[in-house]
Amino acid sequence: MKPLFLFLFIVITASCFGQNKDEIAIKNILANQERSWNEGSLEKYMIGYWNHDSLLFIGKNGPYFGYKKL
């Protein structure tokens, strides 16, 4: 019974700390956005967002759809 618990503990622990490809890709996008924001480059920052007309931003002048208007 102890080997079973040990095996389950190892498998569960490994799965909790492992990162899949999607998680790594998302963290890379966020890191790139942070770097771009700190550089003051809005164009590079926006690369992490969905480039589509359905994307909605709301600013002081009202809503914007897509980010080519920004």
N, C-alpha and C. Protein backbone atom coordinates (compact mmCIF):
# COMPACT_ATOMS: atom_id res chain seq x y z
N MET A 1 0.82 -1.19 0.00
CA MET A 1 0.00 0.00 0.00
C MET A 1 0.87 1.26 0.00
N LYS A 2 2.00 1.23 0.72
CA LYS A 2 2.89 2.39 0.76
C LYS A 2 3.45 2.73 -0.62
N PRO A 3 3.85 1.72 -1.42
CA PRO A 3 4.34 2.07 -2.76
C PRO A 3 3.28 2.76 -3.62
N LEU A 4 2.03 2.37 -3.46
CA LEU A 4 0.95 3.00 -4.21
C LEU A 4 0.82 4.48 -3.82
N PHE A 5 0.83 4.76 -2.53
CA PHE A 5 0.74 6.15 -2.07
C PHE A 5 1.95 6.96 -2.53
N LEU A 6 3.11 6.37 -2.48
CA LEU A 6 4.31 7.05 -2.94
C LEU A 6 4.23 7.37 -4.43
N PHE A 7 3.77 6.39 -5.20
CA PHE A 7 3.61 6.59 -6.64
C PHE A 7 2.60 7.70 -6.92
N LEU A 8 1.46 7.68 -6.25
CA LEU A 8 0.44 8.71 -6.46
C LEU A 8 0.95 10.09 -6.05
N PHE A 9 1.69 10.15 -4.95
CA PHE A 9 2.26 11.42 -4.50
C PHE A 9 3.20 11.99 -5.54
N ILE A 10 4.05 11.15 -6.11
CA ILE A 10 5.01 11.61 -7.12
C ILE A 10 4.30 12.08 -8.38
N VAL A 11 3.31 11.32 -8.82
CA VAL A 11 2.58 11.68 -10.04
C VAL A 11 1.82 12.99 -9.85
N ILE A 12 1.15 13.14 -8.72
CA ILE A 12 0.37 14.35 -8.47
C ILE A 12 1.30 15.56 -8.32
N THR A 13 2.39 15.39 -7.62
CA THR A 13 3.35 16.47 -7.44
C THR A 13 3.96 16.90 -8.77
N ALA A 14 4.33 15.94 -9.59
CA ALA A 14 4.92 16.25 -10.89
C ALA A 14 3.92 16.97 -11.79
N SER A 15 2.67 16.58 -11.74
CA SER A 15 1.68 17.20 -12.61
C SER A 15 1.35 18.62 -12.14
N CYS A 16 1.47 18.88 -10.86
CA CYS A 16 1.19 20.22 -10.34
C CYS A 16 2.28 21.22 -10.74
N PHE A 17 3.52 20.77 -10.82
CA PHE A 17 4.61 21.67 -11.10
C PHE A 17 5.01 21.71 -12.57
N GLY A 18 4.52 20.80 -13.36
CA GLY A 18 4.84 20.79 -14.78
C GLY A 18 4.04 21.86 -15.50
N GLN A 19 4.64 22.45 -16.52
CA GLN A 19 3.95 23.45 -17.33
C GLN A 19 3.73 22.89 -18.72
N ASN A 20 2.52 23.05 -19.19
CA ASN A 20 2.27 22.60 -20.55
C ASN A 20 2.62 23.71 -21.54
N LYS A 21 2.57 23.40 -22.80
CA LYS A 21 2.98 24.35 -23.85
C LYS A 21 2.15 25.62 -23.83
N ASP A 22 0.84 25.49 -23.59
CA ASP A 22 -0.03 26.67 -23.58
C ASP A 22 0.34 27.62 -22.44
N GLU A 23 0.59 27.06 -21.27
CA GLU A 23 0.94 27.90 -20.13
C GLU A 23 2.26 28.63 -20.36
N ILE A 24 3.22 27.95 -20.92
CA ILE A 24 4.50 28.58 -21.24
C ILE A 24 4.32 29.68 -22.27
N ALA A 25 3.50 29.44 -23.29
CA ALA A 25 3.26 30.44 -24.33
C ALA A 25 2.58 31.67 -23.75
N ILE A 26 1.61 31.47 -22.87
CA ILE A 26 0.91 32.60 -22.25
C ILE A 26 1.85 33.41 -21.39
N LYS A 27 2.70 32.73 -20.61
CA LYS A 27 3.66 33.45 -19.77
C LYS A 27 4.65 34.24 -20.62
N ASN A 28 5.04 33.70 -21.77
CA ASN A 28 5.94 34.43 -22.66
C ASN A 28 5.26 35.68 -23.23
N ILE A 29 4.00 35.56 -23.62
CA ILE A 29 3.25 36.71 -24.13
C ILE A 29 3.15 37.79 -23.08
N LEU A 30 2.83 37.40 -21.84
CA LEU A 30 2.71 38.38 -20.77
C LEU A 30 4.06 39.05 -20.46
N ALA A 31 5.14 38.27 -20.49
CA ALA A 31 6.47 38.84 -20.26
C ALA A 31 6.83 39.84 -21.37
N ASN A 32 6.51 39.50 -22.61
CA ASN A 32 6.77 40.41 -23.73
C ASN A 32 5.93 41.68 -23.61
N GLN A 33 4.67 41.52 -23.18
CA GLN A 33 3.82 42.69 -23.00
C GLN A 33 4.37 43.59 -21.89
N GLU A 34 4.82 42.99 -20.81
CA GLU A 34 5.39 43.78 -19.70
C GLU A 34 6.61 44.56 -20.17
N ARG A 35 7.48 43.90 -20.91
CA ARG A 35 8.68 44.55 -21.43
C ARG A 35 8.32 45.70 -22.37
N SER A 36 7.36 45.44 -23.26
CA SER A 36 6.94 46.47 -24.22
C SER A 36 6.29 47.66 -23.52
N TRP A 37 5.49 47.38 -22.50
CA TRP A 37 4.83 48.45 -21.74
C TRP A 37 5.88 49.32 -21.06
N ASN A 38 6.88 48.68 -20.45
CA ASN A 38 7.92 49.42 -19.76
C ASN A 38 8.80 50.22 -20.73
N GLU A 39 8.90 49.76 -21.96
CA GLU A 39 9.64 50.50 -22.99
C GLU A 39 8.81 51.65 -23.57
N GLY A 40 7.50 51.62 -23.30
CA GLY A 40 6.62 52.65 -23.84
C GLY A 40 6.18 52.37 -25.26
N SER A 41 6.27 51.12 -25.69
CA SER A 41 5.91 50.76 -27.06
C SER A 41 4.51 50.13 -27.09
N LEU A 42 3.51 50.96 -27.39
CA LEU A 42 2.13 50.46 -27.45
C LEU A 42 1.95 49.46 -28.59
N GLU A 43 2.64 49.68 -29.70
CA GLU A 43 2.51 48.78 -30.85
C GLU A 43 2.97 47.36 -30.48
N LYS A 44 4.12 47.25 -29.82
CA LYS A 44 4.61 45.93 -29.41
C LYS A 44 3.73 45.33 -28.32
N TYR A 45 3.24 46.17 -27.42
CA TYR A 45 2.38 45.71 -26.33
C TYR A 45 1.11 45.06 -26.87
N MET A 46 0.54 45.65 -27.91
CA MET A 46 -0.73 45.18 -28.45
C MET A 46 -0.61 43.85 -29.20
N ILE A 47 0.60 43.41 -29.51
CA ILE A 47 0.78 42.15 -30.22
C ILE A 47 0.19 40.98 -29.43
N GLY A 48 0.18 41.08 -28.11
CA GLY A 48 -0.36 40.01 -27.28
C GLY A 48 -1.87 39.89 -27.31
N TYR A 49 -2.55 40.88 -27.88
CA TYR A 49 -4.01 40.85 -27.93
C TYR A 49 -4.51 40.26 -29.24
N TRP A 50 -5.74 39.82 -29.21
CA TRP A 50 -6.42 39.25 -30.38
C TRP A 50 -6.61 40.36 -31.40
N ASN A 51 -6.07 40.21 -32.58
CA ASN A 51 -6.18 41.23 -33.62
C ASN A 51 -7.46 40.98 -34.41
N HIS A 52 -8.56 41.51 -33.89
CA HIS A 52 -9.86 41.29 -34.51
C HIS A 52 -10.75 42.49 -34.21
N ASP A 53 -11.70 42.75 -35.09
CA ASP A 53 -12.61 43.88 -34.91
C ASP A 53 -13.55 43.70 -33.72
N SER A 54 -13.70 42.50 -33.21
CA SER A 54 -14.57 42.26 -32.07
C SER A 54 -13.91 42.58 -30.74
N LEU A 55 -12.62 42.84 -30.75
CA LEU A 55 -11.91 43.19 -29.52
C LEU A 55 -12.38 44.57 -29.07
N LEU A 56 -12.77 44.71 -27.81
CA LEU A 56 -13.34 45.95 -27.31
C LEU A 56 -12.46 46.56 -26.23
N PHE A 57 -12.11 47.83 -26.43
CA PHE A 57 -11.43 48.63 -25.42
C PHE A 57 -12.34 49.80 -25.09
N ILE A 58 -12.40 50.16 -23.83
CA ILE A 58 -13.21 51.30 -23.42
C ILE A 58 -12.29 52.33 -22.78
N GLY A 59 -12.27 53.51 -23.36
CA GLY A 59 -11.44 54.59 -22.86
C GLY A 59 -12.28 55.81 -22.51
N LYS A 60 -11.62 56.91 -22.21
CA LYS A 60 -12.34 58.12 -21.81
C LYS A 60 -13.20 58.69 -22.93
N ASN A 61 -12.86 58.39 -24.18
CA ASN A 61 -13.64 58.88 -25.32
C ASN A 61 -14.65 57.86 -25.82
N GLY A 62 -14.84 56.77 -25.10
CA GLY A 62 -15.82 55.77 -25.48
C GLY A 62 -15.17 54.48 -25.92
N PRO A 63 -15.97 53.56 -26.46
CA PRO A 63 -15.44 52.25 -26.83
C PRO A 63 -14.70 52.27 -28.17
N TYR A 64 -13.70 51.42 -28.27
CA TYR A 64 -12.96 51.19 -29.51
C TYR A 64 -13.03 49.71 -29.83
N PHE A 65 -13.32 49.40 -31.07
CA PHE A 65 -13.33 48.02 -31.51
C PHE A 65 -12.08 47.77 -32.35
N GLY A 66 -11.37 46.70 -32.02
CA GLY A 66 -10.11 46.44 -32.67
C GLY A 66 -9.05 47.36 -32.08
N TYR A 67 -7.79 47.17 -32.47
CA TYR A 67 -6.79 48.06 -31.90
C TYR A 67 -6.01 48.84 -32.94
N LYS A 68 -6.44 48.83 -34.18
CA LYS A 68 -5.76 49.64 -35.18
C LYS A 68 -6.10 51.12 -35.00
N LYS A 69 -7.21 51.44 -34.34
CA LYS A 69 -7.58 52.83 -34.10
C LYS A 69 -6.75 53.44 -33.00
N LEU A 70 -6.21 52.61 -32.12
CA LEU A 70 -5.44 53.15 -31.00
C LEU A 70 -4.17 53.66 -31.52
